[in-house]
Amino acid sequence: MTDPELDVRLEGGALWLTLDRPEVFNALSPQMAVDIARLTEEAVARDDVRVVVLTGTGAAFSTGADISGADAHENFDVRALDAANRIIRAIVALDKPVVAAVNGVAAGVGCSAALAADIIVAAESASFLLAFARIGLMPDGGASTTVAASIGRARAMRMGLLAEPLTAQEAYDAGLVTHVVPDADFPATVDKVVGRLASGPPLALAATKRAINAATLHQLEDALERERAGQSLLLRTADVAEGMRAFGERRRPVFTGE
């Protein structure tokens, strides 16, 4: 059974996966992550699906893994990373276009998932943030490769080390996203792009996706493994415990390097 907070619909050859937890800015629960990955994987064998669309409701696309709660540090472990990585692998491996319709803030692994998509349509009010360093972690979900492949090492370092958000326009100017449109035009633009892909030549689109990914993301699997190893170590540190406590208490963390 699919998580009720993930709205799933098929329309005109497009499989829409809409994160529907607006009260927590579409933070990914473990079940939502599993369902997104599973449905994307299953789309490979579905003749009625020509394109997959990932989007959110409310003010956010997704703020990433759900680390709310006083016991977040005890409950958040490498299994959440594995679930997120499964989403990234499914998006990249799918032989059909995947569109990220970024309606608002995309942060953490929510940002990583959006940037793994083939077409990224951002509303003008959207923003992109690799927020991991704010809680003592490193970027994951393949972002260490996808971001650098799109905008280069220097900008990737700035996003990863300083955890600074990029506005939608800045992301477009940097080459991180494919479209940026005024909020009022966002739904119509997404529908137009999705419709064009759904009616396009599936074999040619699949071949194009494979070729471009092979040229630009050939190190993705190594990146996912490096990120998993690094994150596994970081999750056992006092800095991450402090970062998650500070996040829950809405204060600035004090990191000690321990």
C-alpha atoms as a PDB file:
ATOM      1  CA  MET A   1       0.000   0.000   0.000  1.00  0.00           C
ATOM      2  CA  THR A   2       1.272   3.456  -0.922  1.00  0.00           C
ATOM      3  CA  ASP A   3       1.760   6.092   1.767  1.00  0.00           C
ATOM      4  CA  PRO A   4      -1.413   8.246   1.833  1.00  0.00           C
ATOM      5  CA  GLU A   5       0.783  11.352   1.979  1.00  0.00           C
ATOM      6  CA  LEU A   6       2.102  10.556  -1.495  1.00  0.00           C
ATOM      7  CA  ASP A   7      -0.535  11.419  -4.085  1.00  0.00           C
ATOM      8  CA  VAL A   8      -0.219   9.147  -7.131  1.00  0.00           C
ATOM      9  CA  ARG A   9      -2.102   9.718 -10.382  1.00  0.00           C
ATOM     10  CA  LEU A  10      -1.726   8.747 -14.009  1.00  0.00           C
ATOM     11  CA  GLU A  11      -2.810  11.320 -16.548  1.00  0.00           C
ATOM     12  CA  GLY A  12      -2.088  11.398 -20.263  1.00  0.00           C
ATOM     13  CA  GLY A  13       0.868   9.063 -20.013  1.00  0.00           C
ATOM     14  CA  ALA A  14       2.361  10.988 -17.081  1.00  0.00           C
ATOM     15  CA  LEU A  15       2.760   9.363 -13.668  1.00  0.00           C
ATOM     16  CA  TRP A  16       2.509  12.159 -11.103  1.00  0.00           C
ATOM     17  CA  LEU A  17       4.071  11.571  -7.692  1.00  0.00           C
ATOM     18  CA  THR A  18       3.068  14.468  -5.453  1.00  0.00           C
ATOM     19  CA  LEU A  19       4.476  14.805  -1.945  1.00  0.00           C
ATOM     20  CA  ASP A  20       1.553  15.877   0.214  1.00  0.00           C
ATOM     21  CA  ARG A  21       2.882  16.748   3.673  1.00  0.00           C
ATOM     22  CA  PRO A  22       2.679  20.544   3.431  1.00  0.00           C
ATOM     23  CA  GLU A  23       2.560  20.973   7.199  1.00  0.00           C
ATOM     24  CA  VAL A  24       6.176  19.709   7.402  1.00  0.00           C
ATOM     25  CA  PHE A  25       7.262  21.132   4.039  1.00  0.00           C
ATOM     26  CA  ASN A  26       7.003  17.701   2.405  1.00  0.00           C
ATOM     27  CA  ALA A  27       9.778  16.177   4.491  1.00  0.00           C
ATOM     28  CA  LEU A  28      10.250  12.591   3.369  1.00  0.00           C
ATOM     29  CA  SER A  29       9.011   9.920   5.716  1.00  0.00           C
ATOM     30  CA  PRO A  30      10.690   6.515   5.341  1.00  0.00           C
ATOM     31  CA  GLN A  31       7.602   5.041   3.661  1.00  0.00           C
ATOM     32  CA  MET A  32       7.284   7.949   1.214  1.00  0.00           C
ATOM     33  CA  ALA A  33      10.897   7.464   0.144  1.00  0.00           C
ATOM     34  CA  VAL A  34      10.361   3.748  -0.411  1.00  0.00           C
ATOM     35  CA  ASP A  35       7.162   4.377  -2.377  1.00  0.00           C
ATOM     36  CA  ILE A  36       8.714   7.017  -4.652  1.00  0.00           C
ATOM     37  CA  ALA A  37      11.582   4.686  -5.473  1.00  0.00           C
ATOM     38  CA  ARG A  38       9.327   1.675  -5.999  1.00  0.00           C
ATOM     39  CA  LEU A  39       6.858   3.482  -8.250  1.00  0.00           C
ATOM     40  CA  THR A  40       9.687   4.943 -10.329  1.00  0.00           C
ATOM     41  CA  GLU A  41      11.285   1.505 -10.666  1.00  0.00           C
ATOM     42  CA  GLU A  42       7.966  -0.058 -11.642  1.00  0.00           C
ATOM     43  CA  ALA A  43       7.455   2.584 -14.351  1.00  0.00           C
ATOM     44  CA  VAL A  44      10.122   0.801 -16.422  1.00  0.00           C
ATOM     45  CA  ALA A  45       7.670  -1.990 -17.238  1.00  0.00           C
ATOM     46  CA  ARG A  46       4.545   0.155 -17.618  1.00  0.00           C
ATOM     47  CA  ASP A  47       3.479   0.869 -21.190  1.00  0.00           C
ATOM     48  CA  ASP A  48       0.945   3.410 -19.915  1.00  0.00           C
ATOM     49  CA  VAL A  49       3.712   5.576 -18.382  1.00  0.00           C
ATOM     50  CA  ARG A  50       5.757   7.760 -20.739  1.00  0.00           C
ATOM     51  CA  VAL A  51       7.072  10.267 -18.195  1.00  0.00           C
ATOM     52  CA  VAL A  52       7.313  10.510 -14.396  1.00  0.00           C
ATOM     53  CA  VAL A  53       6.698  13.813 -12.588  1.00  0.00           C
ATOM     54  CA  LEU A  54       7.853  14.489  -9.033  1.00  0.00           C
ATOM     55  CA  THR A  55       6.413  17.541  -7.280  1.00  0.00           C
ATOM     56  CA  GLY A  56       5.080  18.804  -3.962  1.00  0.00           C
ATOM     57  CA  THR A  57       2.159  20.655  -2.435  1.00  0.00           C
ATOM     58  CA  GLY A  58       2.208  23.897  -0.478  1.00  0.00           C
ATOM     59  CA  ALA A  59       5.270  26.071   0.058  1.00  0.00           C
ATOM     60  CA  ALA A  60       7.906  23.398  -0.509  1.00  0.00           C
ATOM     61  CA  PHE A  61       8.958  20.808  -3.037  1.00  0.00           C
ATOM     62  CA  SER A  62      10.632  18.873  -0.218  1.00  0.00           C
ATOM     63  CA  THR A  63      12.942  19.778   2.633  1.00  0.00           C
ATOM     64  CA  GLY A  64      14.489  16.307   2.559  1.00  0.00           C
ATOM     65  CA  ALA A  65      14.538  13.575   5.172  1.00  0.00           C
ATOM     66  CA  ASP A  66      12.265  14.069   8.154  1.00  0.00           C
ATOM     67  CA  ILE A  67      14.516  14.841  11.123  1.00  0.00           C
ATOM     68  CA  SER A  68      11.842  16.369  13.323  1.00  0.00           C
ATOM     69  CA  GLY A  69      11.307  15.167  16.871  1.00  0.00           C
ATOM     70  CA  ALA A  70      13.403  15.162  20.005  1.00  0.00           C
ATOM     71  CA  ASP A  71      14.789  11.693  19.279  1.00  0.00           C
ATOM     72  CA  ALA A  72      15.660  12.371  15.639  1.00  0.00           C
ATOM     73  CA  HIS A  73      19.341  11.603  16.081  1.00  0.00           C
ATOM     74  CA  GLU A  74      18.652   8.198  17.610  1.00  0.00           C
ATOM     75  CA  ASN A  75      16.141   7.259  14.902  1.00  0.00           C
ATOM     76  CA  PHE A  76      17.909   8.701  11.851  1.00  0.00           C
ATOM     77  CA  ASP A  77      20.449   6.282  10.466  1.00  0.00           C
ATOM     78  CA  VAL A  78      21.944   4.966   7.255  1.00  0.00           C
ATOM     79  CA  ARG A  79      18.647   3.309   6.310  1.00  0.00           C
ATOM     80  CA  ALA A  80      17.240   6.744   5.478  1.00  0.00           C
ATOM     81  CA  LEU A  81      20.248   7.376   3.250  1.00  0.00           C
ATOM     82  CA  ASP A  82      19.775   4.021   1.529  1.00  0.00           C
ATOM     83  CA  ALA A  83      16.123   4.842   0.839  1.00  0.00           C
ATOM     84  CA  ALA A  84      17.088   8.220  -0.604  1.00  0.00           C
ATOM     85  CA  ASN A  85      19.800   6.677  -2.759  1.00  0.00           C
ATOM     86  CA  ARG A  86      17.273   4.207  -4.094  1.00  0.00           C
ATOM     87  CA  ILE A  87      15.216   7.170  -5.333  1.00  0.00           C
ATOM     88  CA  ILE A  88      18.230   8.670  -7.099  1.00  0.00           C
ATOM     89  CA  ARG A  89      19.173   5.371  -8.738  1.00  0.00           C
ATOM     90  CA  ALA A  90      15.582   4.833  -9.878  1.00  0.00           C
ATOM     91  CA  ILE A  91      15.335   8.319 -11.422  1.00  0.00           C
ATOM     92  CA  VAL A  92      18.610   8.021 -13.303  1.00  0.00           C
ATOM     93  CA  ALA A  93      18.097   4.399 -14.402  1.00  0.00           C
ATOM     94  CA  LEU A  94      14.536   4.860 -15.667  1.00  0.00           C
ATOM     95  CA  ASP A  95      14.459   4.716 -19.460  1.00  0.00           C
ATOM     96  CA  LYS A  96      11.807   7.445 -19.516  1.00  0.00           C
ATOM     97  CA  PRO A  97      12.106  11.159 -18.750  1.00  0.00           C
ATOM     98  CA  VAL A  98      11.686  12.270 -15.151  1.00  0.00           C
ATOM     99  CA  VAL A  99      10.506  15.822 -14.516  1.00  0.00           C
ATOM    100  CA  ALA A 100      11.004  17.599 -11.192  1.00  0.00           C
ATOM    101  CA  ALA A 101       8.324  20.281 -10.914  1.00  0.00           C
ATOM    102  CA  VAL A 102       9.884  22.344  -8.146  1.00  0.00           C
ATOM    103  CA  ASN A 103       7.048  24.386  -6.701  1.00  0.00           C
ATOM    104  CA  GLY A 104       8.948  25.722  -3.678  1.00  0.00           C
ATOM    105  CA  VAL A 105      11.937  25.080  -1.447  1.00  0.00           C
ATOM    106  CA  ALA A 106      14.024  22.023  -2.376  1.00  0.00           C
ATOM    107  CA  ALA A 107      16.461  21.281   0.435  1.00  0.00           C
ATOM    108  CA  GLY A 108      18.608  18.407   1.643  1.00  0.00           C
ATOM    109  CA  VAL A 109      17.881  15.174  -0.149  1.00  0.00           C
ATOM    110  CA  GLY A 110      14.786  16.863  -1.573  1.00  0.00           C
ATOM    111  CA  CYS A 111      17.200  19.061  -3.485  1.00  0.00           C
ATOM    112  CA  SER A 112      19.277  16.015  -4.447  1.00  0.00           C
ATOM    113  CA  ALA A 113      16.211  14.225  -5.825  1.00  0.00           C
ATOM    114  CA  ALA A 114      15.120  17.256  -7.830  1.00  0.00           C
ATOM    115  CA  LEU A 115      18.577  17.672  -9.345  1.00  0.00           C
ATOM    116  CA  ALA A 116      18.715  14.001 -10.357  1.00  0.00           C
ATOM    117  CA  ALA A 117      15.724  14.540 -12.643  1.00  0.00           C
ATOM    118  CA  ASP A 118      16.157  15.006 -16.379  1.00  0.00           C
ATOM    119  CA  ILE A 119      14.063  18.167 -16.657  1.00  0.00           C
ATOM    120  CA  ILE A 120      13.791  20.561 -13.708  1.00  0.00           C
ATOM    121  CA  VAL A 121      11.059  23.191 -13.934  1.00  0.00           C
ATOM    122  CA  ALA A 122      11.280  25.674 -11.075  1.00  0.00           C
ATOM    123  CA  ALA A 123       8.733  28.231  -9.984  1.00  0.00           C
ATOM    124  CA  GLU A 124      10.264  31.678  -9.555  1.00  0.00           C
ATOM    125  CA  SER A 125       9.732  31.499  -5.777  1.00  0.00           C
ATOM    126  CA  ALA A 126      11.509  28.155  -5.482  1.00  0.00           C
ATOM    127  CA  SER A 127      14.994  27.767  -4.049  1.00  0.00           C
ATOM    128  CA  PHE A 128      17.664  25.066  -3.888  1.00  0.00           C
ATOM    129  CA  LEU A 129      19.649  24.320  -0.758  1.00  0.00           C
ATOM    130  CA  LEU A 130      22.150  21.622   0.150  1.00  0.00           C
ATOM    131  CA  ALA A 131      21.500  22.137   3.840  1.00  0.00           C
ATOM    132  CA  PHE A 132      23.469  19.147   5.129  1.00  0.00           C
ATOM    133  CA  ALA A 133      26.385  21.111   6.649  1.00  0.00           C
ATOM    134  CA  ARG A 134      23.917  22.998   8.839  1.00  0.00           C
ATOM    135  CA  ILE A 135      23.400  19.825  10.872  1.00  0.00           C
ATOM    136  CA  GLY A 136      26.924  18.423  10.601  1.00  0.00           C
ATOM    137  CA  LEU A 137      26.366  16.148   7.607  1.00  0.00           C
ATOM    138  CA  MET A 138      27.660  16.063   4.015  1.00  0.00           C
ATOM    139  CA  PRO A 139      25.592  16.244   0.822  1.00  0.00           C
ATOM    140  CA  ASP A 140      24.149  12.921  -0.253  1.00  0.00           C
ATOM    141  CA  GLY A 141      21.673  11.591  -2.779  1.00  0.00           C
ATOM    142  CA  GLY A 142      24.381  11.883  -5.415  1.00  0.00           C
ATOM    143  CA  ALA A 143      24.520  15.671  -5.085  1.00  0.00           C
ATOM    144  CA  SER A 144      28.309  15.649  -4.850  1.00  0.00           C
ATOM    145  CA  THR A 145      28.272  14.540  -8.498  1.00  0.00           C
ATOM    146  CA  THR A 146      25.046  15.896  -9.995  1.00  0.00           C
ATOM    147  CA  VAL A 147      25.658  19.453  -8.797  1.00  0.00           C
ATOM    148  CA  ALA A 148      29.302  19.520  -9.855  1.00  0.00           C
ATOM    149  CA  ALA A 149      28.364  18.012 -13.243  1.00  0.00           C
ATOM    150  CA  SER A 150      25.836  20.797 -13.790  1.00  0.00           C
ATOM    151  CA  ILE A 151      27.522  23.914 -12.413  1.00  0.00           C
ATOM    152  CA  GLY A 152      31.163  23.045 -11.794  1.00  0.00           C
ATOM    153  CA  ARG A 153      33.405  22.413  -8.809  1.00  0.00           C
ATOM    154  CA  ALA A 154      33.546  25.954  -7.425  1.00  0.00           C
ATOM    155  CA  ARG A 155      29.790  26.464  -7.245  1.00  0.00           C
ATOM    156  CA  ALA A 156      29.281  22.920  -5.960  1.00  0.00           C
ATOM    157  CA  MET A 157      31.760  23.634  -3.161  1.00  0.00           C
ATOM    158  CA  ARG A 158      29.932  26.840  -2.294  1.00  0.00           C
ATOM    159  CA  MET A 159      26.573  25.086  -2.120  1.00  0.00           C
ATOM    160  CA  GLY A 160      27.962  22.147  -0.166  1.00  0.00           C
ATOM    161  CA  LEU A 161      30.334  23.855   2.261  1.00  0.00           C
ATOM    162  CA  LEU A 162      28.443  27.076   2.969  1.00  0.00           C
ATOM    163  CA  ALA A 163      24.939  25.597   2.683  1.00  0.00           C
ATOM    164  CA  GLU A 164      23.761  28.729   0.926  1.00  0.00           C
ATOM    165  CA  PRO A 165      20.447  28.623  -0.941  1.00  0.00           C
ATOM    166  CA  LEU A 166      20.187  29.474  -4.608  1.00  0.00           C
ATOM    167  CA  THR A 167      17.070  31.220  -5.852  1.00  0.00           C
ATOM    168  CA  ALA A 168      15.370  29.642  -8.845  1.00  0.00           C
ATOM    169  CA  GLN A 169      16.772  32.344 -11.106  1.00  0.00           C
ATOM    170  CA  GLU A 170      20.286  31.870  -9.722  1.00  0.00           C
ATOM    171  CA  ALA A 171      19.955  28.122 -10.226  1.00  0.00           C
ATOM    172  CA  TYR A 172      18.862  28.661 -13.819  1.00  0.00           C
ATOM    173  CA  ASP A 173      21.633  31.150 -14.542  1.00  0.00           C
ATOM    174  CA  ALA A 174      24.168  28.697 -13.105  1.00  0.00           C
ATOM    175  CA  GLY A 175      22.869  25.845 -15.260  1.00  0.00           C
ATOM    176  CA  LEU A 176      21.418  23.834 -12.395  1.00  0.00           C
ATOM    177  CA  VAL A 177      17.818  23.742 -13.653  1.00  0.00           C
ATOM    178  CA  THR A 178      16.264  23.682 -17.115  1.00  0.00           C
ATOM    179  CA  HIS A 179      13.380  26.141 -16.652  1.00  0.00           C
ATOM    180  CA  VAL A 180      12.383  28.972 -14.330  1.00  0.00           C
ATOM    181  CA  VAL A 181       8.975  30.580 -14.714  1.00  0.00           C
ATOM    182  CA  PRO A 182       6.782  33.053 -12.803  1.00  0.00           C
ATOM    183  CA  ASP A 183       4.691  31.328 -10.163  1.00  0.00           C
ATOM    184  CA  ALA A 184       1.482  32.162 -12.034  1.00  0.00           C
ATOM    185  CA  ASP A 185       2.775  30.386 -15.139  1.00  0.00           C
ATOM    186  CA  PHE A 186       4.270  27.414 -13.298  1.00  0.00           C
ATOM    187  CA  PRO A 187       1.378  24.895 -13.584  1.00  0.00           C
ATOM    188  CA  ALA A 188       0.805  25.613 -17.271  1.00  0.00           C
ATOM    189  CA  THR A 189       4.521  25.374 -18.060  1.00  0.00           C
ATOM    190  CA  VAL A 190       4.865  22.071 -16.225  1.00  0.00           C
ATOM    191  CA  ASP A 191       1.833  20.684 -18.069  1.00  0.00           C
ATOM    192  CA  LYS A 192       3.259  21.822 -21.416  1.00  0.00           C
ATOM    193  CA  VAL A 193       6.672  20.268 -20.774  1.00  0.00           C
ATOM    194  CA  VAL A 194       5.170  17.037 -19.439  1.00  0.00           C
ATOM    195  CA  GLY A 195       2.746  16.809 -22.357  1.00  0.00           C
ATOM    196  CA  ARG A 196       5.542  17.283 -24.877  1.00  0.00           C
ATOM    197  CA  LEU A 197       7.601  14.518 -23.291  1.00  0.00           C
ATOM    198  CA  ALA A 198       4.616  12.175 -22.964  1.00  0.00           C
ATOM    199  CA  SER A 199       3.851  12.529 -26.683  1.00  0.00           C
ATOM    200  CA  GLY A 200       7.492  12.427 -27.771  1.00  0.00           C
ATOM    201  CA  PRO A 201       9.366   9.499 -29.351  1.00  0.00           C
ATOM    202  CA  PRO A 202       9.997   7.149 -26.397  1.00  0.00           C
ATOM    203  CA  LEU A 203      12.905   5.249 -27.926  1.00  0.00           C
ATOM    204  CA  ALA A 204      14.721   8.442 -28.913  1.00  0.00           C
ATOM    205  CA  LEU A 205      14.124  10.035 -25.512  1.00  0.00           C
ATOM    206  CA  ALA A 206      15.423   6.931 -23.740  1.00  0.00           C
ATOM    207  CA  ALA A 207      18.545   6.803 -25.926  1.00  0.00           C
ATOM    208  CA  THR A 208      19.195  10.511 -25.389  1.00  0.00           C
ATOM    209  CA  LYS A 209      18.844  10.199 -21.613  1.00  0.00           C
ATOM    210  CA  ARG A 210      21.216   7.233 -21.499  1.00  0.00           C
ATOM    211  CA  ALA A 211      23.828   9.004 -23.629  1.00  0.00           C
ATOM    212  CA  ILE A 212      23.813  12.265 -21.669  1.00  0.00           C
ATOM    213  CA  ASN A 213      23.863  10.494 -18.315  1.00  0.00           C
ATOM    214  CA  ALA A 214      26.730   8.273 -19.465  1.00  0.00           C
ATOM    215  CA  ALA A 215      28.698  11.376 -20.429  1.00  0.00           C
ATOM    216  CA  THR A 216      27.984  13.391 -17.292  1.00  0.00           C
ATOM    217  CA  LEU A 217      27.008  11.026 -14.459  1.00  0.00           C
ATOM    218  CA  HIS A 218      29.356   8.098 -15.063  1.00  0.00           C
ATOM    219  CA  GLN A 219      30.727   8.575 -11.522  1.00  0.00           C
ATOM    220  CA  LEU A 220      27.319   8.615  -9.846  1.00  0.00           C
ATOM    221  CA  GLU A 221      27.528   5.112  -8.381  1.00  0.00           C
ATOM    222  CA  ASP A 222      30.960   5.830  -6.904  1.00  0.00           C
ATOM    223  CA  ALA A 223      29.614   9.114  -5.510  1.00  0.00           C
ATOM    224  CA  LEU A 224      26.680   7.376  -3.854  1.00  0.00           C
ATOM    225  CA  GLU A 225      29.031   4.902  -2.196  1.00  0.00           C
ATOM    226  CA  ARG A 226      31.427   7.655  -1.056  1.00  0.00           C
ATOM    227  CA  GLU A 227      28.540   9.653   0.347  1.00  0.00           C
ATOM    228  CA  ARG A 228      27.177   6.597   2.135  1.00  0.00           C
ATOM    229  CA  ALA A 229      30.561   5.869   3.722  1.00  0.00           C
ATOM    230  CA  GLY A 230      31.080   9.479   4.777  1.00  0.00           C
ATOM    231  CA  GLN A 231      27.559   9.925   6.068  1.00  0.00           C
ATOM    232  CA  SER A 232      27.741   6.665   8.030  1.00  0.00           C
ATOM    233  CA  LEU A 233      30.750   7.997   9.931  1.00  0.00           C
ATOM    234  CA  LEU A 234      29.261  11.453  10.434  1.00  0.00           C
ATOM    235  CA  LEU A 235      26.010  10.058  11.816  1.00  0.00           C
ATOM    236  CA  ARG A 236      27.971   8.710  14.794  1.00  0.00           C
ATOM    237  CA  THR A 237      29.518  12.069  15.700  1.00  0.00           C
ATOM    238  CA  ALA A 238      28.638  14.489  18.455  1.00  0.00           C
ATOM    239  CA  ASP A 239      28.422  17.258  15.849  1.00  0.00           C
ATOM    240  CA  VAL A 240      25.484  15.595  14.104  1.00  0.00           C
ATOM    241  CA  ALA A 241      23.722  14.991  17.419  1.00  0.00           C
ATOM    242  CA  GLU A 242      24.204  18.685  18.208  1.00  0.00           C
ATOM    243  CA  GLY A 243      23.107  19.732  14.724  1.00  0.00           C
ATOM    244  CA  MET A 244      19.879  17.777  14.922  1.00  0.00           C
ATOM    245  CA  ARG A 245      19.137  18.990  18.445  1.00  0.00           C
ATOM    246  CA  ALA A 246      19.727  22.566  17.347  1.00  0.00           C
ATOM    247  CA  PHE A 247      17.471  22.064  14.333  1.00  0.00           C
ATOM    248  CA  GLY A 248      14.650  20.861  16.559  1.00  0.00           C
ATOM    249  CA  GLU A 249      15.220  23.668  19.048  1.00  0.00           C
ATOM    250  CA  ARG A 250      15.467  26.310  16.289  1.00  0.00           C
ATOM    251  CA  ARG A 251      18.861  27.575  17.365  1.00  0.00           C
ATOM    252  CA  ARG A 252      22.343  27.811  15.866  1.00  0.00           C
ATOM    253  CA  PRO A 253      24.394  24.668  16.529  1.00  0.00           C
ATOM    254  CA  VAL A 254      27.765  24.745  18.256  1.00  0.00           C
ATOM    255  CA  PHE A 255      30.071  22.316  16.481  1.00  0.00           C
ATOM    256  CA  THR A 256      33.214  21.008  18.207  1.00  0.00           C
ATOM    257  CA  GLY A 257      34.618  18.591  15.632  1.00  0.00           C
ATOM    258  CA  GLU A 258      33.803  15.560  17.741  1.00  0.00           C
END
